[in-house]
Structures are given as C-alpha cells and as structure tokens.
Amino acid sequence: MGISKDSMKSHIKFSQKINLNFQLLSDPEKEIHEMFDVLKEKNMFGKIVIGTERSTFIIDENGILIKEYRKVKAKGHAKQILEYIKELSI
C-alpha cells in the first residue's frame, strides 16, 4: 500500500486515473509519517521545508518490518522491490 499526506479524495482520483492495483492511505495528520521517521528537511528553491522522504518498508504477514529503503528514487525501484520479494519466497 502507499501512504501520503494527500487527501483520500485525491488518492481515489489518482488511483482511478492510473488504474492502481493497491490501496493508497491518507495520513494528513502525519502520524504514520512520524512513526516511520520520513519527515525530513528539504531545500526547495532555496527555502527549507519539511517534506516526505520517499521510502519503502517491507512488512511481513506478522507485522514485522523486514526491510527498509530510504531516499528512494522512483525509477527502477518497483523492480528492485519485486526482485527482493521474489528472493524471500525461494
């Protein structure tokens, strides 16, 4: 699943637009963001702002965090995750 600070309304619209096959969760109060320590200072056009550090967390069926990726770049990351998950199931 994906989590962001965006509203559920925007998640639904985005999910339908690109036909996602997984759930998006809304965290406007930033509770989950804080729990996973992904709110970081960023420099945006010379101004320091607090933004979300794109990250991936792999959690097993028992709710245990087994792998985390920080400062993720979107390009190629999904393939990297799929390869890791395939290795787990061997």
PDB file of N, CA and C in Angstrom:
ATOM      1  N   MET A   1       0.837  -1.170   0.000  1.00  0.00           N
ATOM      2  CA  MET A   1       0.000   0.000   0.000  1.00  0.00           C
ATOM      3  C   MET A   1       0.880   1.231   0.000  1.00  0.00           C
ATOM      4  N   GLY A   2       0.317   2.315  -0.417  1.00  0.00           N
ATOM      5  CA  GLY A   2       1.039   3.578  -0.426  1.00  0.00           C
ATOM      6  C   GLY A   2       0.424   4.528   0.581  1.00  0.00           C
ATOM      7  N   ILE A   3       1.238   5.368   1.178  1.00  0.00           N
ATOM      8  CA  ILE A   3       0.761   6.329   2.173  1.00  0.00           C
ATOM      9  C   ILE A   3       1.336   7.696   1.839  1.00  0.00           C
ATOM     10  N   SER A   4       0.473   8.702   1.873  1.00  0.00           N
ATOM     11  CA  SER A   4       0.943  10.078   1.721  1.00  0.00           C
ATOM     12  C   SER A   4       0.061  11.001   2.540  1.00  0.00           C
ATOM     13  N   LYS A   5       0.447  12.274   2.588  1.00  0.00           N
ATOM     14  CA  LYS A   5      -0.315  13.276   3.327  1.00  0.00           C
ATOM     15  C   LYS A   5      -1.509  13.782   2.525  1.00  0.00           C
ATOM     16  N   ASP A   6      -1.621  13.375   1.265  1.00  0.00           N
ATOM     17  CA  ASP A   6      -2.721  13.826   0.418  1.00  0.00           C
ATOM     18  C   ASP A   6      -4.061  13.300   0.924  1.00  0.00           C
ATOM     19  N   SER A   7      -5.139  13.950   0.496  1.00  0.00           N
ATOM     20  CA  SER A   7      -6.483  13.559   0.923  1.00  0.00           C
ATOM     21  C   SER A   7      -6.924  12.266   0.246  1.00  0.00           C
ATOM     22  N   MET A   8      -7.917  11.604   0.838  1.00  0.00           N
ATOM     23  CA  MET A   8      -8.467  10.397   0.233  1.00  0.00           C
ATOM     24  C   MET A   8      -9.088  10.722  -1.119  1.00  0.00           C
ATOM     25  N   LYS A   9      -9.694  11.886  -1.234  1.00  0.00           N
ATOM     26  CA  LYS A   9     -10.305  12.291  -2.500  1.00  0.00           C
ATOM     27  C   LYS A   9      -9.248  12.316  -3.611  1.00  0.00           C
ATOM     28  N   SER A  10      -8.096  12.893  -3.329  1.00  0.00           N
ATOM     29  CA  SER A  10      -7.033  12.937  -4.340  1.00  0.00           C
ATOM     30  C   SER A  10      -6.473  11.542  -4.611  1.00  0.00           C
ATOM     31  N   HIS A  11      -6.406  10.688  -3.581  1.00  0.00           N
ATOM     32  CA  HIS A  11      -5.937   9.313  -3.762  1.00  0.00           C
ATOM     33  C   HIS A  11      -6.869   8.533  -4.686  1.00  0.00           C
ATOM     34  N   ILE A  12      -8.162   8.675  -4.463  1.00  0.00           N
ATOM     35  CA  ILE A  12      -9.136   7.964  -5.291  1.00  0.00           C
ATOM     36  C   ILE A  12      -9.012   8.404  -6.741  1.00  0.00           C
ATOM     37  N   LYS A  13      -8.931   9.710  -6.949  1.00  0.00           N
ATOM     38  CA  LYS A  13      -8.817  10.250  -8.301  1.00  0.00           C
ATOM     39  C   LYS A  13      -7.545   9.732  -8.982  1.00  0.00           C
ATOM     40  N   PHE A  14      -6.411   9.789  -8.280  1.00  0.00           N
ATOM     41  CA  PHE A  14      -5.131   9.326  -8.826  1.00  0.00           C
ATOM     42  C   PHE A  14      -5.171   7.827  -9.116  1.00  0.00           C
ATOM     43  N   SER A  15      -5.697   7.059  -8.165  1.00  0.00           N
ATOM     44  CA  SER A  15      -5.759   5.609  -8.305  1.00  0.00           C
ATOM     45  C   SER A  15      -6.596   5.201  -9.516  1.00  0.00           C
ATOM     46  N   GLN A  16      -7.711   5.873  -9.711  1.00  0.00           N
ATOM     47  CA  GLN A  16      -8.563   5.571 -10.861  1.00  0.00           C
ATOM     48  C   GLN A  16      -7.901   6.011 -12.164  1.00  0.00           C
ATOM     49  N   LYS A  17      -7.216   7.140 -12.127  1.00  0.00           N
ATOM     50  CA  LYS A  17      -6.569   7.673 -13.329  1.00  0.00           C
ATOM     51  C   LYS A  17      -5.530   6.709 -13.892  1.00  0.00           C
ATOM     52  N   ILE A  18      -4.713   6.119 -13.001  1.00  0.00           N
ATOM     53  CA  ILE A  18      -3.647   5.241 -13.495  1.00  0.00           C
ATOM     54  C   ILE A  18      -3.918   3.761 -13.203  1.00  0.00           C
ATOM     55  N   ASN A  19      -5.131   3.471 -12.720  1.00  0.00           N
ATOM     56  CA  ASN A  19      -5.578   2.098 -12.513  1.00  0.00           C
ATOM     57  C   ASN A  19      -4.654   1.313 -11.574  1.00  0.00           C
ATOM     58  N   LEU A  20      -4.426   1.852 -10.387  1.00  0.00           N
ATOM     59  CA  LEU A  20      -3.570   1.179  -9.403  1.00  0.00           C
ATOM     60  C   LEU A  20      -4.212  -0.114  -8.933  1.00  0.00           C
ATOM     61  N   ASN A  21      -3.390  -1.087  -8.611  1.00  0.00           N
ATOM     62  CA  ASN A  21      -3.908  -2.348  -8.087  1.00  0.00           C
ATOM     63  C   ASN A  21      -3.534  -2.542  -6.620  1.00  0.00           C
ATOM     64  N   PHE A  22      -3.288  -1.434  -5.938  1.00  0.00           N
ATOM     65  CA  PHE A  22      -3.033  -1.487  -4.496  1.00  0.00           C
ATOM     66  C   PHE A  22      -3.664  -0.275  -3.844  1.00  0.00           C
ATOM     67  N   GLN A  23      -3.809  -0.345  -2.533  1.00  0.00           N
ATOM     68  CA  GLN A  23      -4.505   0.677  -1.767  1.00  0.00           C
ATOM     69  C   GLN A  23      -3.597   1.848  -1.414  1.00  0.00           C
ATOM     70  N   LEU A  24      -4.149   3.050  -1.481  1.00  0.00           N
ATOM     71  CA  LEU A  24      -3.463   4.252  -1.026  1.00  0.00           C
ATOM     72  C   LEU A  24      -4.130   4.730   0.264  1.00  0.00           C
ATOM     73  N   LEU A  25      -3.333   5.061   1.251  1.00  0.00           N
ATOM     74  CA  LEU A  25      -3.850   5.564   2.523  1.00  0.00           C
ATOM     75  C   LEU A  25      -3.494   7.030   2.684  1.00  0.00           C
ATOM     76  N   SER A  26      -4.376   7.765   3.336  1.00  0.00           N
ATOM     77  CA  SER A  26      -4.172   9.188   3.579  1.00  0.00           C
ATOM     78  C   SER A  26      -3.729   9.403   5.020  1.00  0.00           C
ATOM     79  N   ASP A  27      -2.698  10.200   5.212  1.00  0.00           N
ATOM     80  CA  ASP A  27      -2.157  10.491   6.544  1.00  0.00           C
ATOM     81  C   ASP A  27      -1.966  12.001   6.711  1.00  0.00           C
ATOM     82  N   PRO A  28      -3.069  12.779   6.624  1.00  0.00           N
ATOM     83  CA  PRO A  28      -2.931  14.239   6.696  1.00  0.00           C
ATOM     84  C   PRO A  28      -2.421  14.739   8.052  1.00  0.00           C
ATOM     85  N   GLU A  29      -2.612  13.966   9.105  1.00  0.00           N
ATOM     86  CA  GLU A  29      -2.109  14.361  10.432  1.00  0.00           C
ATOM     87  C   GLU A  29      -0.654  13.950  10.628  1.00  0.00           C
ATOM     88  N   LYS A  30      -0.105  13.232   9.665  1.00  0.00           N
ATOM     89  CA  LYS A  30       1.308  12.833   9.623  1.00  0.00           C
ATOM     90  C   LYS A  30       1.704  11.859  10.734  1.00  0.00           C
ATOM     91  N   GLU A  31       0.743  11.145  11.301  1.00  0.00           N
ATOM     92  CA  GLU A  31       1.043  10.201  12.376  1.00  0.00           C
ATOM     93  C   GLU A  31       1.919   9.043  11.890  1.00  0.00           C
ATOM     94  N   ILE A  32       1.564   8.475  10.752  1.00  0.00           N
ATOM     95  CA  ILE A  32       2.353   7.348  10.215  1.00  0.00           C
ATOM     96  C   ILE A  32       3.692   7.862   9.709  1.00  0.00           C
ATOM     97  N   HIS A  33       3.696   9.045   9.099  1.00  0.00           N
ATOM     98  CA  HIS A  33       4.952   9.651   8.639  1.00  0.00           C
ATOM     99  C   HIS A  33       5.937   9.799   9.797  1.00  0.00           C
ATOM    100  N   GLU A  34       5.422  10.258  10.930  1.00  0.00           N
ATOM    101  CA  GLU A  34       6.289  10.426  12.112  1.00  0.00           C
ATOM    102  C   GLU A  34       6.736   9.079  12.663  1.00  0.00           C
ATOM    103  N   MET A  35       5.829   8.103  12.672  1.00  0.00           N
ATOM    104  CA  MET A  35       6.155   6.772  13.194  1.00  0.00           C
ATOM    105  C   MET A  35       7.309   6.147  12.410  1.00  0.00           C
ATOM    106  N   PHE A  36       7.332   6.368  11.097  1.00  0.00           N
ATOM    107  CA  PHE A  36       8.367   5.793  10.248  1.00  0.00           C
ATOM    108  C   PHE A  36       9.515   6.763   9.982  1.00  0.00           C
ATOM    109  N   ASP A  37       9.490   7.912  10.641  1.00  0.00           N
ATOM    110  CA  ASP A  37      10.568   8.906  10.558  1.00  0.00           C
ATOM    111  C   ASP A  37      10.904   9.279   9.109  1.00  0.00           C
ATOM    112  N   VAL A  38       9.880   9.664   8.340  1.00  0.00           N
ATOM    113  CA  VAL A  38      10.100  10.040   6.942  1.00  0.00           C
ATOM    114  C   VAL A  38       9.901  11.532   6.687  1.00  0.00           C
ATOM    115  N   LEU A  39       9.606  12.318   7.719  1.00  0.00           N
ATOM    116  CA  LEU A  39       9.503  13.769   7.560  1.00  0.00           C
ATOM    117  C   LEU A  39      10.897  14.356   7.749  1.00  0.00           C
ATOM    118  N   LYS A  40      11.395  14.953   6.688  1.00  0.00           N
ATOM    119  CA  LYS A  40      12.774  15.448   6.700  1.00  0.00           C
ATOM    120  C   LYS A  40      12.830  16.872   6.148  1.00  0.00           C
ATOM    121  N   GLU A  41      13.863  17.601   6.554  1.00  0.00           N
ATOM    122  CA  GLU A  41      14.101  18.929   5.983  1.00  0.00           C
ATOM    123  C   GLU A  41      14.556  18.775   4.543  1.00  0.00           C
ATOM    124  N   LYS A  42      13.985  19.619   3.680  1.00  0.00           N
ATOM    125  CA  LYS A  42      14.363  19.625   2.267  1.00  0.00           C
ATOM    126  C   LYS A  42      14.567  21.070   1.844  1.00  0.00           C
ATOM    127  N   ASN A  43      15.416  21.256   0.870  1.00  0.00           N
ATOM    128  CA  ASN A  43      15.660  22.585   0.324  1.00  0.00           C
ATOM    129  C   ASN A  43      14.859  22.714  -0.965  1.00  0.00           C
ATOM    130  N   MET A  44      13.852  23.579  -0.935  1.00  0.00           N
ATOM    131  CA  MET A  44      13.013  23.765  -2.111  1.00  0.00           C
ATOM    132  C   MET A  44      13.124  25.210  -2.578  1.00  0.00           C
ATOM    133  N   PHE A  45      13.813  25.385  -3.685  1.00  0.00           N
ATOM    134  CA  PHE A  45      14.023  26.724  -4.255  1.00  0.00           C
ATOM    135  C   PHE A  45      14.664  27.672  -3.242  1.00  0.00           C
ATOM    136  N   GLY A  46      15.650  27.157  -2.491  1.00  0.00           N
ATOM    137  CA  GLY A  46      16.378  27.970  -1.541  1.00  0.00           C
ATOM    138  C   GLY A  46      15.706  28.126  -0.190  1.00  0.00           C
ATOM    139  N   LYS A  47      14.568  27.523  -0.013  1.00  0.00           N
ATOM    140  CA  LYS A  47      13.832  27.618   1.249  1.00  0.00           C
ATOM    141  C   LYS A  47      13.781  26.240   1.906  1.00  0.00           C
ATOM    142  N   ILE A  48      14.039  26.185   3.210  1.00  0.00           N
ATOM    143  CA  ILE A  48      13.986  24.924   3.943  1.00  0.00           C
ATOM    144  C   ILE A  48      12.533  24.626   4.302  1.00  0.00           C
ATOM    145  N   VAL A  49      12.080  23.431   3.898  1.00  0.00           N
ATOM    146  CA  VAL A  49      10.719  22.983   4.195  1.00  0.00           C
ATOM    147  C   VAL A  49      10.788  21.561   4.752  1.00  0.00           C
ATOM    148  N   ILE A  50       9.716  21.139   5.403  1.00  0.00           N
ATOM    149  CA  ILE A  50       9.617  19.760   5.870  1.00  0.00           C
ATOM    150  C   ILE A  50       8.799  18.996   4.835  1.00  0.00           C
ATOM    151  N   GLY A  51       9.386  17.934   4.305  1.00  0.00           N
ATOM    152  CA  GLY A  51       8.721  17.120   3.293  1.00  0.00           C
ATOM    153  C   GLY A  51       8.899  15.652   3.589  1.00  0.00           C
ATOM    154  N   THR A  52       8.262  14.848   2.784  1.00  0.00           N
ATOM    155  CA  THR A  52       8.332  13.402   2.956  1.00  0.00           C
ATOM    156  C   THR A  52       9.520  12.833   2.184  1.00  0.00           C
ATOM    157  N   GLU A  53      10.361  12.094   2.882  1.00  0.00           N
ATOM    158  CA  GLU A  53      11.448  11.371   2.234  1.00  0.00           C
ATOM    159  C   GLU A  53      10.851  10.081   1.676  1.00  0.00           C
ATOM    160  N   ARG A  54      10.849   9.955   0.349  1.00  0.00           N
ATOM    161  CA  ARG A  54      10.263   8.767  -0.278  1.00  0.00           C
ATOM    162  C   ARG A  54      10.987   7.527   0.235  1.00  0.00           C
ATOM    163  N   SER A  55      10.210   6.607   0.777  1.00  0.00           N
ATOM    164  CA  SER A  55      10.769   5.407   1.400  1.00  0.00           C
ATOM    165  C   SER A  55       9.861   4.216   1.125  1.00  0.00           C
ATOM    166  N   THR A  56      10.446   3.025   1.206  1.00  0.00           N
ATOM    167  CA  THR A  56       9.682   1.793   1.080  1.00  0.00           C
ATOM    168  C   THR A  56       9.999   0.921   2.279  1.00  0.00           C
ATOM    169  N   PHE A  57       8.946   0.367   2.871  1.00  0.00           N
ATOM    170  CA  PHE A  57       9.095  -0.523   4.020  1.00  0.00           C
ATOM    171  C   PHE A  57       8.409  -1.838   3.683  1.00  0.00           C
ATOM    172  N   ILE A  58       9.130  -2.926   3.853  1.00  0.00           N
ATOM    173  CA  ILE A  58       8.553  -4.244   3.619  1.00  0.00           C
ATOM    174  C   ILE A  58       8.242  -4.843   4.980  1.00  0.00           C
ATOM    175  N   ILE A  59       6.956  -5.146   5.150  1.00  0.00           N
ATOM    176  CA  ILE A  59       6.448  -5.654   6.427  1.00  0.00           C
ATOM    177  C   ILE A  59       5.853  -7.032   6.174  1.00  0.00           C
ATOM    178  N   ASP A  60       6.246  -7.999   6.995  1.00  0.00           N
ATOM    179  CA  ASP A  60       5.758  -9.365   6.767  1.00  0.00           C
ATOM    180  C   ASP A  60       4.329  -9.541   7.277  1.00  0.00           C
ATOM    181  N   GLU A  61       3.802 -10.752   7.075  1.00  0.00           N
ATOM    182  CA  GLU A  61       2.409 -11.045   7.448  1.00  0.00           C
ATOM    183  C   GLU A  61       2.156 -10.955   8.946  1.00  0.00           C
ATOM    184  N   ASN A  62       3.232 -10.932   9.755  1.00  0.00           N
ATOM    185  CA  ASN A  62       3.107 -10.796  11.212  1.00  0.00           C
ATOM    186  C   ASN A  62       3.265  -9.350  11.671  1.00  0.00           C
ATOM    187  N   GLY A  63       3.399  -8.427  10.702  1.00  0.00           N
ATOM    188  CA  GLY A  63       3.545  -7.013  11.037  1.00  0.00           C
ATOM    189  C   GLY A  63       4.962  -6.621  11.417  1.00  0.00           C
ATOM    190  N   ILE A  64       5.938  -7.456  11.070  1.00  0.00           N
ATOM    191  CA  ILE A  64       7.334  -7.181  11.419  1.00  0.00           C
ATOM    192  C   ILE A  64       8.048  -6.552  10.233  1.00  0.00           C
ATOM    193  N   LEU A  65       8.712  -5.433  10.494  1.00  0.00           N
ATOM    194  CA  LEU A  65       9.493  -4.747   9.467  1.00  0.00           C
ATOM    195  C   LEU A  65      10.713  -5.600   9.136  1.00  0.00           C
ATOM    196  N   ILE A  66      10.815  -6.022   7.872  1.00  0.00           N
ATOM    197  CA  ILE A  66      11.938  -6.887   7.498  1.00  0.00           C
ATOM    198  C   ILE A  66      12.943  -6.191   6.580  1.00  0.00           C
ATOM    199  N   LYS A  67      12.544  -5.071   5.976  1.00  0.00           N
ATOM    200  CA  LYS A  67      13.473  -4.363   5.088  1.00  0.00           C
ATOM    201  C   LYS A  67      12.961  -2.939   4.901  1.00  0.00           C
ATOM    202  N   GLU A  68      13.897  -1.994   4.843  1.00  0.00           N
ATOM    203  CA  GLU A  68      13.510  -0.618   4.543  1.00  0.00           C
ATOM    204  C   GLU A  68      14.481  -0.017   3.542  1.00  0.00           C
ATOM    205  N   TYR A  69      13.923   0.827   2.710  1.00  0.00           N
ATOM    206  CA  TYR A  69      14.693   1.556   1.710  1.00  0.00           C
ATOM    207  C   TYR A  69      14.406   3.033   1.940  1.00  0.00           C
ATOM    208  N   ARG A  70      15.425   3.837   2.104  1.00  0.00           N
ATOM    209  CA  ARG A  70      15.287   5.278   2.336  1.00  0.00           C
ATOM    210  C   ARG A  70      15.804   6.041   1.123  1.00  0.00           C
ATOM    211  N   LYS A  71      15.322   7.271   0.982  1.00  0.00           N
ATOM    212  CA  LYS A  71      15.742   8.162  -0.115  1.00  0.00           C
ATOM    213  C   LYS A  71      15.585   7.478  -1.466  1.00  0.00           C
ATOM    214  N   VAL A  72      14.430   6.888  -1.674  1.00  0.00           N
ATOM    215  CA  VAL A  72      14.127   6.112  -2.867  1.00  0.00           C
ATOM    216  C   VAL A  72      13.920   7.018  -4.079  1.00  0.00           C
ATOM    217  N   LYS A  73      14.448   6.604  -5.197  1.00  0.00           N
ATOM    218  CA  LYS A  73      14.164   7.227  -6.494  1.00  0.00           C
ATOM    219  C   LYS A  73      13.138   6.330  -7.178  1.00  0.00           C
ATOM    220  N   ALA A  74      12.113   6.930  -7.740  1.00  0.00           N
ATOM    221  CA  ALA A  74      11.012   6.152  -8.318  1.00  0.00           C
ATOM    222  C   ALA A  74      11.469   5.241  -9.456  1.00  0.00           C
ATOM    223  N   LYS A  75      12.325   5.748 -10.319  1.00  0.00           N
ATOM    224  CA  LYS A  75      12.734   4.981 -11.496  1.00  0.00           C
ATOM    225  C   LYS A  75      13.484   3.702 -11.086  1.00  0.00           C
ATOM    226  N   GLY A  76      12.933   2.562 -11.472  1.00  0.00           N
ATOM    227  CA  GLY A  76      13.571   1.281 -11.219  1.00  0.00           C
ATOM    228  C   GLY A  76      13.332   0.697  -9.838  1.00  0.00           C
ATOM    229  N   HIS A  77      12.728   1.467  -8.950  1.00  0.00           N
ATOM    230  CA  HIS A  77      12.578   0.986  -7.572  1.00  0.00           C
ATOM    231  C   HIS A  77      11.587  -0.173  -7.468  1.00  0.00           C
ATOM    232  N   ALA A  78      10.485  -0.101  -8.196  1.00  0.00           N
ATOM    233  CA  ALA A  78       9.494  -1.188  -8.139  1.00  0.00           C
ATOM    234  C   ALA A  78      10.134  -2.517  -8.535  1.00  0.00           C
ATOM    235  N   LYS A  79      10.964  -2.491  -9.553  1.00  0.00           N
ATOM    236  CA  LYS A  79      11.647  -3.708  -9.996  1.00  0.00           C
ATOM    237  C   LYS A  79      12.570  -4.230  -8.889  1.00  0.00           C
ATOM    238  N   GLN A  80      13.275  -3.326  -8.233  1.00  0.00           N
ATOM    239  CA  GLN A  80      14.171  -3.697  -7.130  1.00  0.00           C
ATOM    240  C   GLN A  80      13.381  -4.387  -6.014  1.00  0.00           C
ATOM    241  N   ILE A  81      12.225  -3.840  -5.681  1.00  0.00           N
ATOM    242  CA  ILE A  81      11.395  -4.408  -4.613  1.00  0.00           C
ATOM    243  C   ILE A  81      10.868  -5.779  -5.014  1.00  0.00           C
ATOM    244  N   LEU A  82      10.380  -5.893  -6.237  1.00  0.00           N
ATOM    245  CA  LEU A  82       9.868  -7.187  -6.706  1.00  0.00           C
ATOM    246  C   LEU A  82      10.948  -8.262  -6.675  1.00  0.00           C
ATOM    247  N   GLU A  83      12.161  -7.914  -7.072  1.00  0.00           N
ATOM    248  CA  GLU A  83      13.262  -8.877  -7.034  1.00  0.00           C
ATOM    249  C   GLU A  83      13.558  -9.312  -5.598  1.00  0.00           C
ATOM    250  N   TYR A  84      13.534  -8.353  -4.670  1.00  0.00           N
ATOM    251  CA  TYR A  84      13.783  -8.689  -3.264  1.00  0.00           C
ATOM    252  C   TYR A  84      12.700  -9.631  -2.742  1.00  0.00           C
ATOM    253  N   ILE A  85      11.445  -9.337  -3.048  1.00  0.00           N
ATOM    254  CA  ILE A  85      10.339 -10.161  -2.572  1.00  0.00           C
ATOM    255  C   ILE A  85      10.417 -11.570  -3.180  1.00  0.00           C
ATOM    256  N   LYS A  86      10.789 -11.655  -4.434  1.00  0.00           N
ATOM    257  CA  LYS A  86      10.948 -12.975  -5.063  1.00  0.00           C
ATOM    258  C   LYS A  86      12.027 -13.779  -4.352  1.00  0.00           C
ATOM    259  N   GLU A  87      13.121 -13.131  -3.969  1.00  0.00           N
ATOM    260  CA  GLU A  87      14.200 -13.818  -3.240  1.00  0.00           C
ATOM    261  C   GLU A  87      13.699 -14.350  -1.909  1.00  0.00           C
ATOM    262  N   LEU A  88      12.811 -13.636  -1.256  1.00  0.00           N
ATOM    263  CA  LEU A  88      12.277 -14.064   0.034  1.00  0.00           C
ATOM    264  C   LEU A  88      11.464 -15.340  -0.084  1.00  0.00           C
ATOM    265  N   SER A  89      10.785 -15.492  -1.200  1.00  0.00           N
ATOM    266  CA  SER A  89       9.881 -16.620  -1.346  1.00  0.00           C
ATOM    267  C   SER A  89      10.541 -17.876  -1.918  1.00  0.00           C
ATOM    268  N   ILE A  90      11.844 -17.825  -2.137  1.00  0.00           N
ATOM    269  CA  ILE A  90      12.567 -19.005  -2.668  1.00  0.00           C
ATOM    270  C   ILE A  90      12.746 -20.037  -1.574  1.00  0.00           C
TER     271      ILE A  90
END
